[in-house]
C-alpha atoms as a PDB file:
ATOM      1  CA  MET A   1      72.272 187.845 122.795  1.00  0.00           C
ATOM      2  CA  PHE A   2      71.974 185.188 120.928  1.00  0.00           C
ATOM      3  CA  ILE A   3      74.380 186.098 118.728  1.00  0.00           C
ATOM      4  CA  THR A   4      77.194 183.035 118.336  1.00  0.00           C
ATOM      5  CA  PRO A   5      81.307 183.394 117.873  1.00  0.00           C
ATOM      6  CA  ALA A   6      80.873 181.949 114.480  1.00  0.00           C
ATOM      7  CA  PHE A   7      79.165 185.297 112.954  1.00  0.00           C
ATOM      8  CA  ALA A   8      81.858 187.290 114.837  1.00  0.00           C
ATOM      9  CA  GLN A   9      84.709 186.325 113.028  1.00  0.00           C
ATOM     10  CA  ALA A  10      85.982 188.040 109.909  1.00  0.00           C
ATOM     11  CA  ALA A  11      86.107 185.817 106.758  1.00  0.00           C
ATOM     12  CA  GLY A  12      89.901 185.209 105.384  1.00  0.00           C
ATOM     13  CA  GLY A  13      91.916 187.699 103.657  1.00  0.00           C
ATOM     14  CA  GLY A  14      93.748 184.779 101.182  1.00  0.00           C
ATOM     15  CA  GLY A  15      90.255 184.695  98.572  1.00  0.00           C
ATOM     16  CA  SER A  16      91.976 185.845  96.166  1.00  0.00           C
ATOM     17  CA  MET A  17      92.840 181.817  94.363  1.00  0.00           C
ATOM     18  CA  ASP A  18      89.373 180.944  95.441  1.00  0.00           C
ATOM     19  CA  GLN A  19      88.097 183.448  93.433  1.00  0.00           C
ATOM     20  CA  LEU A  20      90.779 182.500  90.451  1.00  0.00           C
ATOM     21  CA  THR A  21      88.269 178.880  89.971  1.00  0.00           C
ATOM     22  CA  SER A  22      85.533 179.903  90.726  1.00  0.00           C
ATOM     23  CA  LEU A  23      85.734 182.455  87.365  1.00  0.00           C
ATOM     24  CA  LEU A  24      88.122 179.396  85.105  1.00  0.00           C
ATOM     25  CA  PHE A  25      85.592 175.817  85.953  1.00  0.00           C
ATOM     26  CA  PRO A  26      82.693 177.095  84.023  1.00  0.00           C
ATOM     27  CA  ILE A  27      85.235 178.391  81.685  1.00  0.00           C
ATOM     28  CA  LEU A  28      87.364 175.149  81.309  1.00  0.00           C
ATOM     29  CA  LEU A  29      83.443 172.811  81.531  1.00  0.00           C
ATOM     30  CA  VAL A  30      81.925 175.279  78.149  1.00  0.00           C
ATOM     31  CA  LEU A  31      84.918 174.846  76.042  1.00  0.00           C
ATOM     32  CA  PRO A  32      84.013 170.573  75.907  1.00  0.00           C
ATOM     33  CA  ILE A  33      80.413 171.589  75.074  1.00  0.00           C
ATOM     34  CA  PHE A  34      81.050 174.191  72.391  1.00  0.00           C
ATOM     35  CA  TYR A  35      83.355 171.624  70.614  1.00  0.00           C
ATOM     36  CA  PHE A  36      81.225 169.034  70.145  1.00  0.00           C
ATOM     37  CA  LEU A  37      78.165 169.930  70.036  1.00  0.00           C
ATOM     38  CA  ILE A  38      79.022 172.657  67.943  1.00  0.00           C
ATOM     39  CA  ILE A  39      83.009 172.517  66.432  1.00  0.00           C
ATOM     40  CA  ARG A  40      82.757 169.119  65.316  1.00  0.00           C
ATOM     41  CA  PRO A  41      79.553 168.848  63.943  1.00  0.00           C
ATOM     42  CA  GLN A  42      80.457 171.544  62.047  1.00  0.00           C
ATOM     43  CA  ASN A  43      82.883 170.467  59.819  1.00  0.00           C
ATOM     44  CA  LYS A  44      81.754 167.054  59.650  1.00  0.00           C
ATOM     45  CA  ARG A  45      78.686 169.651  57.581  1.00  0.00           C
ATOM     46  CA  GLN A  46      81.655 171.331  55.167  1.00  0.00           C
ATOM     47  CA  LYS A  47      83.601 168.306  54.546  1.00  0.00           C
ATOM     48  CA  GLU A  48      80.408 165.998  53.990  1.00  0.00           C
ATOM     49  CA  HIS A  49      79.813 169.073  51.225  1.00  0.00           C
ATOM     50  CA  GLU A  50      83.000 169.293  49.883  1.00  0.00           C
ATOM     51  CA  GLU A  51      83.442 165.374  49.179  1.00  0.00           C
ATOM     52  CA  MET A  52      79.515 166.112  47.355  1.00  0.00           C
ATOM     53  CA  VAL A  53      80.865 169.042  45.454  1.00  0.00           C
ATOM     54  CA  ASN A  54      83.794 167.291  44.245  1.00  0.00           C
ATOM     55  CA  ALA A  55      81.832 163.662  43.138  1.00  0.00           C
ATOM     56  CA  ILE A  56      80.058 166.111  40.682  1.00  0.00           C
ATOM     57  CA  ARG A  57      79.652 164.866  36.763  1.00  0.00           C
ATOM     58  CA  ARG A  58      78.843 164.032  33.583  1.00  0.00           C
ATOM     59  CA  GLY A  59      74.405 164.340  33.929  1.00  0.00           C
ATOM     60  CA  ASP A  60      74.191 164.738  38.125  1.00  0.00           C
ATOM     61  CA  THR A  61      71.232 166.159  39.124  1.00  0.00           C
ATOM     62  CA  ILE A  62      71.682 168.270  41.358  1.00  0.00           C
ATOM     63  CA  VAL A  63      70.052 172.087  43.463  1.00  0.00           C
ATOM     64  CA  VAL A  64      70.967 175.023  43.450  1.00  0.00           C
ATOM     65  CA  ASN A  65      70.021 177.807  45.467  1.00  0.00           C
ATOM     66  CA  GLY A  66      66.685 176.281  44.497  1.00  0.00           C
ATOM     67  CA  ILE A  67      67.821 175.954  41.190  1.00  0.00           C
ATOM     68  CA  VAL A  68      67.386 172.667  39.595  1.00  0.00           C
ATOM     69  CA  GLY A  69      69.150 170.953  37.178  1.00  0.00           C
ATOM     70  CA  LYS A  70      71.397 168.547  35.394  1.00  0.00           C
ATOM     71  CA  VAL A  71      75.693 168.751  34.908  1.00  0.00           C
ATOM     72  CA  THR A  72      76.132 169.242  31.498  1.00  0.00           C
ATOM     73  CA  LYS A  73      79.891 169.734  32.020  1.00  0.00           C
ATOM     74  CA  VAL A  74      82.276 169.607  34.554  1.00  0.00           C
ATOM     75  CA  VAL A  75      86.034 170.196  34.713  1.00  0.00           C
ATOM     76  CA  ASP A  76      88.589 169.131  37.052  1.00  0.00           C
ATOM     77  CA  GLY A  77      90.160 171.793  38.705  1.00  0.00           C
ATOM     78  CA  GLU A  78      87.920 174.662  38.019  1.00  0.00           C
ATOM     79  CA  LYS A  79      86.193 175.825  40.948  1.00  0.00           C
ATOM     80  CA  THR A  80      82.482 176.045  37.900  1.00  0.00           C
ATOM     81  CA  LEU A  81      80.656 173.545  35.842  1.00  0.00           C
ATOM     82  CA  THR A  82      77.606 174.197  33.351  1.00  0.00           C
ATOM     83  CA  MET A  83      74.354 173.361  34.329  1.00  0.00           C
ATOM     84  CA  GLU A  84      71.004 173.111  31.957  1.00  0.00           C
ATOM     85  CA  ILE A  85      68.225 174.204  33.871  1.00  0.00           C
ATOM     86  CA  ALA A  86      65.569 173.297  29.923  1.00  0.00           C
ATOM     87  CA  ASP A  87      65.397 172.815  26.975  1.00  0.00           C
ATOM     88  CA  ASN A  88      68.820 174.710  24.896  1.00  0.00           C
ATOM     89  CA  VAL A  89      69.443 176.552  28.653  1.00  0.00           C
ATOM     90  CA  ARG A  90      73.184 176.420  29.886  1.00  0.00           C
ATOM     91  CA  ILE A  91      74.415 178.496  32.901  1.00  0.00           C
ATOM     92  CA  GLN A  92      77.708 178.066  34.867  1.00  0.00           C
ATOM     93  CA  VAL A  93      77.698 178.205  38.782  1.00  0.00           C
ATOM     94  CA  VAL A  94      80.263 177.997  41.365  1.00  0.00           C
ATOM     95  CA  ARG A  95      80.890 174.486  42.965  1.00  0.00           C
ATOM     96  CA  ALA A  96      80.787 176.150  45.751  1.00  0.00           C
ATOM     97  CA  SER A  97      76.743 176.759  45.095  1.00  0.00           C
ATOM     98  CA  VAL A  98      75.545 172.958  44.661  1.00  0.00           C
ATOM     99  CA  SER A  99      74.055 172.588  47.767  1.00  0.00           C
ATOM    100  CA  GLU A 100      72.092 169.574  46.661  1.00  0.00           C
ATOM    101  CA  VAL A 101      72.517 166.602  44.724  1.00  0.00           C
ATOM    102  CA  ARG A 102      69.810 164.463  43.629  1.00  0.00           C
ATOM    103  CA  ALA A 103      70.184 162.139  42.324  1.00  0.00           C
ATOM    104  CA  LYS A 104      72.759 160.592  40.395  1.00  0.00           C
ATOM    105  CA  GLY A 105      73.285 160.423  36.938  1.00  0.00           C
ATOM    106  CA  GLU A 106      75.006 158.097  34.604  1.00  0.00           C
ATOM    107  CA  PRO A 107      77.981 159.930  32.276  1.00  0.00           C
ATOM    108  CA  VAL A 108      77.463 159.266  29.039  1.00  0.00           C
ATOM    109  CA  ALA A 109      80.131 156.881  26.642  1.00  0.00           C
ATOM    110  CA  ALA A 110      82.113 158.792  23.663  1.00  0.00           C
ATOM    111  CA  ASN A 111      81.103 156.205  21.958  1.00  0.00           C
ATOM    112  CA  ASP A 112      78.064 157.565  22.433  1.00  0.00           C
ATOM    113  CA  ALA A 113      77.765 161.291  22.248  1.00  0.00           C
ATOM    114  CA  ALA A 114      78.898 161.260  18.854  1.00  0.00           C
ATOM    115  CA  LYS A 115      76.279 158.849  17.648  1.00  0.00           C
ATOM    116  CA  PRO A 116      72.709 161.201  16.516  1.00  0.00           C
ATOM    117  CA  ALA A 117      69.950 160.526  18.213  1.00  0.00           C
ATOM    118  CA  ASP A 118      67.238 157.840  16.231  1.00  0.00           C
ATOM    119  CA  ASN A 119      64.233 159.610  15.819  1.00  0.00           C
ATOM    120  CA  LYS A 120      60.874 156.451  15.715  1.00  0.00           C
END
């Protein structure tokens, strides 16, 4: 019989610590990967969106759920703004629903708003 004495020996009984480390090590390895690949980029994207929404001003062209329009009224501290989607068609939208600011517009000066437009 060609059985060596190494096969005949029984395994050690104190393997519970080895099982714990073998389960804990992959979890500790996956956590930083999740943080850098999923959580951190999502937080960065959310912060950029919040800054974009807070920077919206009158005259900007924005996209809300596929609707493109120009901002006509922005009140600081409110969660809504007024958007013109066609001539004399204005809707109120929630700031958080703005998905994109396409073109930054120049706000109309107070003096220019009071003057009537010249029709030549």
